[in-house]
Amino acid sequence: MQRLLEGRCTGTPEEFAGKLGISRTSLYETIDELKSRGAPIVYSKSIKTFYYTEPFEISISCYMRPMTFQEEKEFTGGKFFSKILFFRTLGSEISNVSLLC
């Protein structure tokens, strides 16, 4: 989304939503949320694209912690989780993961 907005190559709302794999309604909800957080996003009918009117950067952080045994049990309905794909640790430290846009 960020690259398309910066590059002024989103296309129409329908095309933009399609590029993101979301509905047009979800696109407008996301744009409204970004605008509420200060993103200067506008749409040009003449060049058929959304774009930023001034530089804007998005920073996303995600905090994760290992699932407890009880959470794992509730999530899987009591079924065994493959320990190859998911593993539980005894600690409950929160890990910081940064996602680049």
Protein backbone atom coordinates (compact mmCIF):
# COMPACT_ATOMS: atom_id res chain seq x y z
CA MET A 1 0.00 0.00 0.00
CA GLN A 2 2.77 2.39 0.97
CA ARG A 3 4.72 1.87 -2.25
CA LEU A 4 1.62 2.27 -4.40
CA LEU A 5 0.66 5.50 -2.65
CA GLU A 6 4.18 6.91 -2.83
CA GLY A 7 4.50 5.95 -6.48
CA ARG A 8 1.08 7.35 -7.36
CA CYS A 9 0.20 4.10 -9.08
CA THR A 10 -2.79 2.79 -7.14
CA GLY A 11 -5.28 2.98 -10.00
CA THR A 12 -8.98 3.38 -9.36
CA PRO A 13 -10.42 2.41 -5.96
CA GLU A 14 -11.50 -0.95 -7.41
CA GLU A 15 -8.05 -1.57 -8.90
CA PHE A 16 -6.30 -0.51 -5.69
CA ALA A 17 -8.47 -2.81 -3.59
CA GLY A 18 -7.74 -5.64 -6.04
CA LYS A 19 -3.99 -5.05 -5.82
CA LEU A 20 -4.23 -5.28 -2.03
CA GLY A 21 -6.55 -8.30 -2.10
CA ILE A 22 -9.28 -6.55 -0.10
CA SER A 23 -12.77 -5.22 -0.79
CA ARG A 24 -13.41 -1.64 -1.83
CA THR A 25 -15.15 -1.10 1.52
CA SER A 26 -12.08 -2.39 3.41
CA LEU A 27 -9.88 -0.13 1.31
CA TYR A 28 -11.87 2.95 2.28
CA GLU A 29 -11.93 1.87 5.93
CA THR A 30 -8.14 1.52 5.86
CA ILE A 31 -7.69 4.88 4.15
CA ASP A 32 -10.02 6.53 6.68
CA GLU A 33 -8.00 4.97 9.53
CA LEU A 34 -4.74 6.22 8.04
CA LYS A 35 -6.24 9.68 7.54
CA SER A 36 -7.36 9.72 11.18
CA ARG A 37 -3.69 9.14 12.08
CA GLY A 38 -2.49 12.04 9.96
CA ALA A 39 -1.89 10.45 6.56
CA PRO A 40 -2.42 13.11 3.87
CA ILE A 41 -4.08 10.79 1.32
CA VAL A 42 -6.18 12.16 -1.54
CA TYR A 43 -7.60 10.74 -4.77
CA SER A 44 -7.15 12.33 -8.18
CA LYS A 45 -9.90 11.58 -10.69
CA SER A 46 -7.79 12.94 -13.56
CA ILE A 47 -4.83 10.59 -13.03
CA LYS A 48 -6.93 7.87 -11.35
CA THR A 49 -4.77 7.29 -8.30
CA PHE A 50 -4.59 7.83 -4.56
CA TYR A 51 -1.45 9.58 -3.35
CA TYR A 52 0.14 11.42 -0.45
CA THR A 53 0.04 15.22 -0.71
CA GLU A 54 3.23 15.35 1.37
CA PRO A 55 5.74 12.75 2.59
CA PHE A 56 4.28 10.30 5.09
CA GLU A 57 5.82 7.24 6.70
CA ILE A 58 4.05 4.26 8.22
CA SER A 59 5.65 2.40 11.11
CA ILE A 60 4.12 -0.86 12.34
CA SER A 61 5.18 -2.77 15.44
CA CYS A 62 4.02 -6.19 16.51
CA TYR A 63 4.53 -7.64 19.97
CA MET A 64 4.28 -11.39 20.40
CA ARG A 65 4.76 -13.84 23.23
CA PRO A 66 4.74 -17.61 23.26
CA MET A 67 1.36 -19.22 23.84
CA THR A 68 0.79 -20.81 27.22
CA PHE A 69 -0.22 -24.46 27.28
CA GLN A 70 -3.77 -23.43 28.26
CA GLU A 71 -4.00 -20.92 25.38
CA GLU A 72 -2.73 -23.54 22.96
CA LYS A 73 -5.32 -26.00 24.23
CA GLU A 74 -8.16 -23.46 23.91
CA PHE A 75 -7.02 -22.36 20.46
CA THR A 76 -6.82 -25.88 19.06
CA GLY A 77 -9.89 -27.20 20.82
CA GLY A 78 -7.70 -29.62 22.77
CA LYS A 79 -6.06 -31.08 19.66
CA PHE A 80 -2.32 -31.57 19.52
CA PHE A 81 -0.34 -28.81 17.78
CA SER A 82 2.53 -30.06 15.64
CA LYS A 83 5.67 -29.17 17.57
CA ILE A 84 7.50 -28.85 14.24
CA LEU A 85 5.45 -25.79 13.31
CA PHE A 86 4.60 -24.42 16.75
CA PHE A 87 6.46 -24.76 20.00
CA ARG A 88 5.79 -23.62 23.52
CA THR A 89 8.43 -22.20 25.81
CA LEU A 90 8.26 -21.98 29.56
CA GLY A 91 9.11 -18.29 29.62
CA SER A 92 6.54 -15.65 28.85
CA GLU A 93 8.86 -12.95 27.54
CA ILE A 94 7.46 -10.60 24.97
CA SER A 95 9.44 -10.42 21.75
CA ASN A 96 9.56 -7.30 19.60
CA VAL A 97 9.15 -7.85 15.86
CA SER A 98 9.46 -4.96 13.40
CA LEU A 99 7.65 -5.17 10.09
CA LEU A 100 9.00 -3.07 7.23
CA CYS A 101 6.55 -1.62 4.74
